[in-house]
Amino acid sequence: MDEQLTAKLKEWAGTYNVKSFIPDDPVQFPHRFTEKRDIEISAFITSWISYGRRELILRKADWLHSRMGGSPYEWVLSGRYRELVSDVPAGKRDTFYRFYTHSDLCALCDRLKEIYGRYDSLEDASAYREAATELGRLLGERNLRVINGAGNSGLMCAVSDATLAAGGTVTGVIPRFMVEQDWCHKGLTDLVEVDSMHERKQRMADLSDAVIALPGGCGTLEELLEVITWKQLGLYLNPIVILNINGYFDPLLEMFRRAVDEHFMRPQHAALWAVASTPAEAVKLIYSEPVWDASLRKQALV
């Protein structure tokens, strides 16, 4: 990745507003868009083709932006720029884009697609970590003890660190084989070593008064589904909150809805969990969600 280009993109992301990308540039087509990434990409490509007489610049930019549609960002990420060659007037394919050919424009958009794909991934990761840190801070400030798997990386670690920094306490439960792999957070308030993953999950559930699930991988999904199953069976009665940052859990929630629609779950089972979109909402829900009625286990059978 070109560091200078990446730096320029980040600079535009922070400073570009309603003004044209080029000082005193008469084109100013980026004004058509309001989303930050649409403005960045529109401004970049418009400036790239801005060479020659004003009339030609306006014609090129107007033609190109009409092909971009409502979102230059989506246009680049979808790869639709490769379809442009058939739209360029005959005999002008090698001169229409400034000094460059259509293949040069495709190469530019390929690089933009790569950069924005990585940039979006980094922003998503940053949003998850920020949410985990905020959740830990809120729990620590409320003097709520955090129970987790004692991991020293990822969002689990971010929650632990933020909780401790806010004056809270963290109890970690971890299998011995993970300690031997040096996957254990060494700064927690209490550490409980167990023999197996099964014992780990049971101990965390026994110690907890509520569950908050943050975005994660197979382990997170498995633990979340297991504790929901326990609640359905009346084995765990406390609130379960799914913290749905960036819509991460949307596919899972849709799968739950389908399970109800297809009669693999009862409609009442949708109350086994609650969904929050922010850490503050998640903390509020662990106080407001009622304790599950153990007698409802008779509804577990569908």
Protein backbone atom coordinates (compact mmCIF):
# COMPACT_ATOMS: atom_id res chain seq x y z
CA MET A 1 0.00 0.00 0.00
CA ASP A 2 1.32 3.42 -0.96
CA GLU A 3 1.97 5.23 2.34
CA GLN A 4 1.72 8.68 0.79
CA LEU A 5 -1.65 7.86 -0.78
CA THR A 6 -2.91 6.33 2.45
CA ALA A 7 -1.85 9.42 4.40
CA LYS A 8 -3.64 11.62 1.87
CA LEU A 9 -6.83 9.61 2.19
CA LYS A 10 -6.75 9.94 5.97
CA GLU A 11 -6.12 13.67 5.63
CA TRP A 12 -9.15 14.06 3.37
CA ALA A 13 -11.23 11.97 5.77
CA GLY A 14 -10.52 14.45 8.53
CA THR A 15 -10.63 17.76 6.70
CA TYR A 16 -12.81 17.54 3.59
CA ASN A 17 -16.15 19.34 3.84
CA VAL A 18 -18.41 21.20 1.41
CA LYS A 19 -15.51 22.93 -0.36
CA SER A 20 -13.97 21.61 -3.54
CA PHE A 21 -10.98 19.30 -3.22
CA ILE A 22 -8.76 21.56 -5.36
CA PRO A 23 -8.54 25.23 -4.28
CA ASP A 24 -10.47 27.43 -6.77
CA ASP A 25 -11.44 24.33 -8.76
CA PRO A 26 -14.53 25.20 -10.86
CA VAL A 27 -15.83 21.63 -11.00
CA GLN A 28 -16.90 21.00 -7.40
CA PHE A 29 -18.85 17.86 -8.24
CA PRO A 30 -18.17 16.36 -4.78
CA HIS A 31 -20.94 18.66 -3.50
CA ARG A 32 -23.42 16.10 -4.77
CA PHE A 33 -22.55 13.75 -1.92
CA THR A 34 -22.84 13.99 1.86
CA GLU A 35 -21.22 10.80 3.16
CA LYS A 36 -17.55 11.14 4.05
CA ARG A 37 -16.25 8.27 1.90
CA ASP A 38 -18.39 9.30 -1.07
CA ILE A 39 -16.90 12.79 -0.89
CA GLU A 40 -13.34 11.47 -0.58
CA ILE A 41 -13.55 9.13 -3.56
CA SER A 42 -15.51 11.57 -5.70
CA ALA A 43 -13.02 14.33 -4.99
CA PHE A 44 -10.03 12.09 -5.66
CA ILE A 45 -11.27 10.81 -9.01
CA THR A 46 -12.57 14.21 -10.12
CA SER A 47 -9.20 15.79 -9.40
CA TRP A 48 -7.49 12.93 -11.25
CA ILE A 49 -9.38 13.65 -14.48
CA SER A 50 -9.24 17.46 -14.09
CA TYR A 51 -6.95 18.32 -16.95
CA GLY A 52 -7.62 20.40 -20.04
CA ARG A 53 -10.27 22.96 -20.91
CA ARG A 54 -12.99 23.67 -18.38
CA GLU A 55 -15.64 22.45 -20.82
CA LEU A 56 -13.90 19.09 -21.18
CA ILE A 57 -13.35 18.76 -17.43
CA LEU A 58 -17.03 19.41 -16.75
CA ARG A 59 -18.12 16.95 -19.42
CA LYS A 60 -15.78 14.22 -18.17
CA ALA A 61 -16.71 14.74 -14.52
CA ASP A 62 -20.45 14.89 -15.27
CA TRP A 63 -20.25 11.68 -17.31
CA LEU A 64 -18.17 9.87 -14.69
CA HIS A 65 -20.34 10.93 -11.75
CA SER A 66 -23.48 9.89 -13.58
CA ARG A 67 -22.00 6.38 -13.75
CA MET A 68 -21.08 6.41 -10.07
CA GLY A 69 -24.72 6.74 -9.08
CA GLY A 70 -25.67 7.63 -5.53
CA SER A 71 -22.48 6.40 -3.89
CA PRO A 72 -18.95 6.57 -5.38
CA TYR A 73 -17.79 4.53 -2.39
CA GLU A 74 -20.14 1.64 -3.25
CA TRP A 75 -19.27 2.08 -6.93
CA VAL A 76 -15.57 1.51 -6.20
CA LEU A 77 -16.11 -1.36 -3.75
CA SER A 78 -18.47 -3.14 -6.16
CA GLY A 79 -15.94 -2.98 -9.03
CA ARG A 80 -18.47 -1.38 -11.40
CA TYR A 81 -15.78 0.98 -12.71
CA ARG A 82 -14.66 -1.88 -14.96
CA GLU A 83 -17.89 -1.52 -16.92
CA LEU A 84 -17.06 2.03 -18.01
CA VAL A 85 -15.02 1.10 -21.07
CA SER A 86 -18.15 0.26 -23.04
CA ASP A 87 -19.65 3.67 -22.23
CA VAL A 88 -16.74 5.84 -23.36
CA PRO A 89 -17.44 7.45 -26.78
CA ALA A 90 -15.73 5.58 -29.61
CA GLY A 91 -12.27 6.85 -30.49
CA LYS A 92 -11.85 8.60 -27.14
CA ARG A 93 -11.10 5.69 -24.84
CA ASP A 94 -7.41 6.49 -24.64
CA THR A 95 -7.77 10.24 -24.06
CA PHE A 96 -10.97 10.68 -22.08
CA TYR A 97 -9.36 10.17 -18.66
CA ARG A 98 -6.76 12.93 -18.57
CA PHE A 99 -3.50 11.46 -20.03
CA TYR A 100 -4.54 7.98 -19.01
CA THR A 101 -6.50 5.03 -20.35
CA HIS A 102 -9.46 3.21 -18.92
CA SER A 103 -7.10 0.55 -17.60
CA ASP A 104 -5.28 3.25 -15.64
CA LEU A 105 -8.56 4.33 -14.06
CA CYS A 106 -9.28 0.71 -13.18
CA ALA A 107 -5.83 0.40 -11.59
CA LEU A 108 -6.51 3.55 -9.54
CA CYS A 109 -9.92 2.27 -8.42
CA ASP A 110 -8.44 -1.15 -7.62
CA ARG A 111 -6.01 0.57 -5.26
CA LEU A 112 -8.79 2.67 -3.71
CA LYS A 113 -10.85 -0.49 -3.23
CA GLU A 114 -7.93 -2.20 -1.49
CA ILE A 115 -7.20 0.78 0.74
CA TYR A 116 -10.80 1.36 1.74
CA GLY A 117 -11.36 -2.34 2.34
CA ARG A 118 -8.48 -2.37 4.81
CA TYR A 119 -9.41 1.02 6.24
CA ASP A 120 -13.00 -0.11 6.87
CA SER A 121 -11.76 -3.27 8.59
CA LEU A 122 -9.53 -1.21 10.84
CA GLU A 123 -12.38 1.16 11.65
CA ASP A 124 -14.67 -1.78 12.47
CA ALA A 125 -12.03 -3.30 14.73
CA SER A 126 -11.54 0.07 16.39
CA ALA A 127 -15.30 0.42 16.97
CA TYR A 128 -15.45 -2.99 18.65
CA ARG A 129 -12.50 -2.22 20.88
CA GLU A 130 -13.89 1.19 21.78
CA ALA A 131 -17.19 -0.43 22.74
CA ALA A 132 -15.42 -3.05 24.85
CA THR A 133 -13.39 -0.36 26.60
CA GLU A 134 -16.48 1.73 27.24
CA LEU A 135 -18.34 -1.26 28.64
CA GLY A 136 -15.47 -2.06 30.99
CA ARG A 137 -15.34 1.54 32.15
CA LEU A 138 -19.07 1.63 32.88
CA LEU A 139 -18.95 -1.64 34.80
CA GLY A 140 -15.91 -0.56 36.78
CA GLU A 141 -17.40 2.81 37.71
CA ARG A 142 -20.51 1.02 39.01
CA ASN A 143 -18.33 -1.31 41.06
CA LEU A 144 -19.75 -4.33 39.26
CA ARG A 145 -17.46 -7.35 39.28
CA VAL A 146 -16.66 -8.58 35.79
CA ILE A 147 -16.53 -12.35 35.25
CA ASN A 148 -14.79 -13.45 32.05
CA GLY A 149 -12.43 -16.01 30.58
CA ALA A 150 -9.22 -14.27 31.74
CA GLY A 151 -7.88 -13.80 28.21
CA ASN A 152 -4.97 -11.45 27.59
CA SER A 153 -5.99 -10.39 24.08
CA GLY A 154 -8.96 -9.17 22.08
CA LEU A 155 -12.13 -7.60 23.43
CA MET A 156 -12.04 -9.70 26.59
CA CYS A 157 -8.75 -8.11 27.54
CA ALA A 158 -10.04 -4.64 26.61
CA VAL A 159 -13.01 -5.04 28.97
CA SER A 160 -10.76 -6.27 31.78
CA ASP A 161 -8.23 -3.47 31.39
CA ALA A 162 -10.91 -0.77 31.27
CA THR A 163 -12.75 -2.20 34.27
CA LEU A 164 -9.58 -2.29 36.36
CA ALA A 165 -8.59 1.22 35.24
CA ALA A 166 -11.98 2.49 36.41
CA GLY A 167 -11.47 0.99 39.87
CA GLY A 168 -13.51 -2.17 39.32
CA THR A 169 -12.69 -5.82 39.86
CA VAL A 170 -12.31 -8.70 37.39
CA THR A 171 -12.46 -12.40 38.11
CA GLY A 172 -11.08 -14.55 35.32
CA VAL A 173 -11.88 -18.22 34.83
CA ILE A 174 -9.50 -20.12 32.57
CA PRO A 175 -8.51 -23.75 31.85
CA ARG A 176 -5.01 -24.74 32.87
CA PHE A 177 -3.98 -25.57 29.31
CA MET A 178 -4.59 -21.92 28.38
CA VAL A 179 -2.45 -20.77 31.28
CA GLU A 180 0.30 -23.06 30.00
CA GLN A 181 -0.05 -21.40 26.56
CA ASP A 182 0.42 -17.99 28.23
CA TRP A 183 -3.04 -16.83 27.15
CA CYS A 184 -3.89 -15.67 30.65
CA HIS A 185 -4.30 -12.05 31.79
CA LYS A 186 -1.85 -11.62 34.67
CA GLY A 187 -3.31 -8.46 36.19
CA LEU A 188 -6.80 -9.54 37.20
CA THR A 189 -8.25 -9.18 40.68
CA ASP A 190 -8.90 -12.93 40.98
CA LEU A 191 -7.96 -15.87 38.81
CA VAL A 192 -9.70 -19.24 38.89
CA GLU A 193 -7.98 -22.13 37.10
CA VAL A 194 -10.17 -25.06 36.01
CA ASP A 195 -9.63 -28.36 34.23
CA SER A 196 -11.78 -27.95 31.13
CA MET A 197 -13.69 -25.59 28.88
CA HIS A 198 -16.95 -27.06 30.15
CA GLU A 199 -16.01 -26.30 33.75
CA ARG A 200 -14.95 -22.82 32.73
CA LYS A 201 -18.37 -21.99 31.26
CA GLN A 202 -20.22 -23.50 34.21
CA ARG A 203 -18.11 -21.56 36.73
CA MET A 204 -18.58 -18.25 34.93
CA ALA A 205 -22.34 -18.81 34.80
CA ASP A 206 -22.44 -19.73 38.49
CA LEU A 207 -20.55 -16.57 39.44
CA SER A 208 -22.52 -14.16 37.24
CA ASP A 209 -25.70 -12.18 37.77
CA ALA A 210 -26.03 -11.33 34.07
CA VAL A 211 -24.41 -12.01 30.70
CA ILE A 212 -23.28 -9.43 28.16
CA ALA A 213 -22.06 -10.87 24.86
CA LEU A 214 -19.74 -8.75 22.73
CA PRO A 215 -18.80 -9.50 19.11
CA GLY A 216 -16.48 -12.48 18.83
CA GLY A 217 -15.72 -15.73 17.06
CA CYS A 218 -16.71 -19.36 17.47
CA GLY A 219 -16.05 -19.39 21.21
CA THR A 220 -18.25 -16.36 21.81
CA LEU A 221 -21.06 -17.74 19.67
CA GLU A 222 -20.88 -21.16 21.30
CA GLU A 223 -20.94 -19.72 24.82
CA LEU A 224 -23.79 -17.34 23.99
CA LEU A 225 -25.95 -20.09 22.47
CA GLU A 226 -25.22 -22.44 25.35
CA VAL A 227 -26.24 -19.96 28.03
CA ILE A 228 -29.41 -19.12 26.05
CA THR A 229 -30.14 -22.86 25.94
CA TRP A 230 -29.60 -23.13 29.68
CA LYS A 231 -32.01 -20.27 30.23
CA GLN A 232 -34.60 -21.90 27.98
CA LEU A 233 -34.27 -25.02 30.14
CA GLY A 234 -34.50 -23.04 33.38
CA LEU A 235 -30.86 -23.73 34.30
CA TYR A 236 -29.76 -20.07 34.07
CA LEU A 237 -32.29 -17.39 34.99
CA ASN A 238 -30.39 -14.09 34.78
CA PRO A 239 -30.48 -11.43 32.01
CA ILE A 240 -28.64 -12.16 28.75
CA VAL A 241 -27.75 -9.08 26.71
CA ILE A 242 -26.35 -9.18 23.17
CA LEU A 243 -24.25 -6.06 22.53
CA ASN A 244 -24.79 -5.64 18.80
CA ILE A 245 -22.00 -3.24 17.80
CA ASN A 246 -21.99 -2.35 14.08
CA GLY A 247 -24.81 -4.82 13.53
CA TYR A 248 -22.37 -7.67 14.10
CA PHE A 249 -25.02 -10.00 15.48
CA ASP A 250 -27.68 -9.15 12.87
CA PRO A 251 -27.30 -12.48 11.01
CA LEU A 252 -27.60 -14.42 14.28
CA LEU A 253 -30.67 -12.43 15.34
CA GLU A 254 -32.21 -13.08 11.94
CA MET A 255 -31.49 -16.80 12.44
CA PHE A 256 -33.30 -16.64 15.79
CA ARG A 257 -36.29 -14.99 14.10
CA ARG A 258 -36.33 -17.68 11.44
CA ALA A 259 -36.18 -20.39 14.10
CA VAL A 260 -39.34 -18.90 15.62
CA ASP A 261 -41.02 -18.48 12.21
CA GLU A 262 -40.23 -22.09 11.29
CA HIS A 263 -41.53 -23.30 14.70
CA PHE A 264 -38.21 -24.57 16.02
CA MET A 265 -38.60 -22.10 18.89
CA ARG A 266 -41.67 -20.65 20.55
CA PRO A 267 -42.38 -16.91 20.20
CA GLN A 268 -41.91 -16.63 23.98
CA HIS A 269 -38.30 -17.75 23.58
CA ALA A 270 -37.42 -14.44 21.92
CA ALA A 271 -37.54 -12.97 25.42
CA LEU A 272 -34.62 -15.14 26.52
CA TRP A 273 -32.23 -12.40 25.41
CA ALA A 274 -32.22 -8.64 24.98
CA VAL A 275 -30.31 -6.64 22.39
CA ALA A 276 -28.33 -3.44 23.00
CA SER A 277 -26.61 -1.23 20.44
CA THR A 278 -24.39 0.65 22.91
CA PRO A 279 -22.48 -0.27 26.07
CA ALA A 280 -24.63 2.13 28.12
CA GLU A 281 -27.78 0.44 26.87
CA ALA A 282 -26.31 -2.98 27.71
CA VAL A 283 -25.59 -1.94 31.30
CA LYS A 284 -29.10 -0.52 31.62
CA LEU A 285 -30.62 -3.77 30.37
CA ILE A 286 -28.85 -5.97 32.92
CA TYR A 287 -30.72 -3.99 35.58
CA SER A 288 -34.09 -3.77 33.82
CA GLU A 289 -34.46 -7.26 32.32
CA PRO A 290 -36.49 -9.52 34.63
CA VAL A 291 -35.20 -12.76 36.09
CA TRP A 292 -36.46 -15.68 34.00
CA ASP A 293 -39.20 -17.86 35.44
CA ALA A 294 -37.77 -21.35 35.90
CA SER A 295 -41.25 -22.85 35.58
CA LEU A 296 -41.20 -21.85 31.89
CA ARG A 297 -38.91 -24.76 31.16
CA LYS A 298 -42.08 -26.67 30.33
CA GLN A 299 -42.22 -24.52 27.19
CA ALA A 300 -38.73 -25.62 26.11
CA LEU A 301 -40.19 -28.58 24.25
CA VAL A 302 -41.49 -27.44 20.85
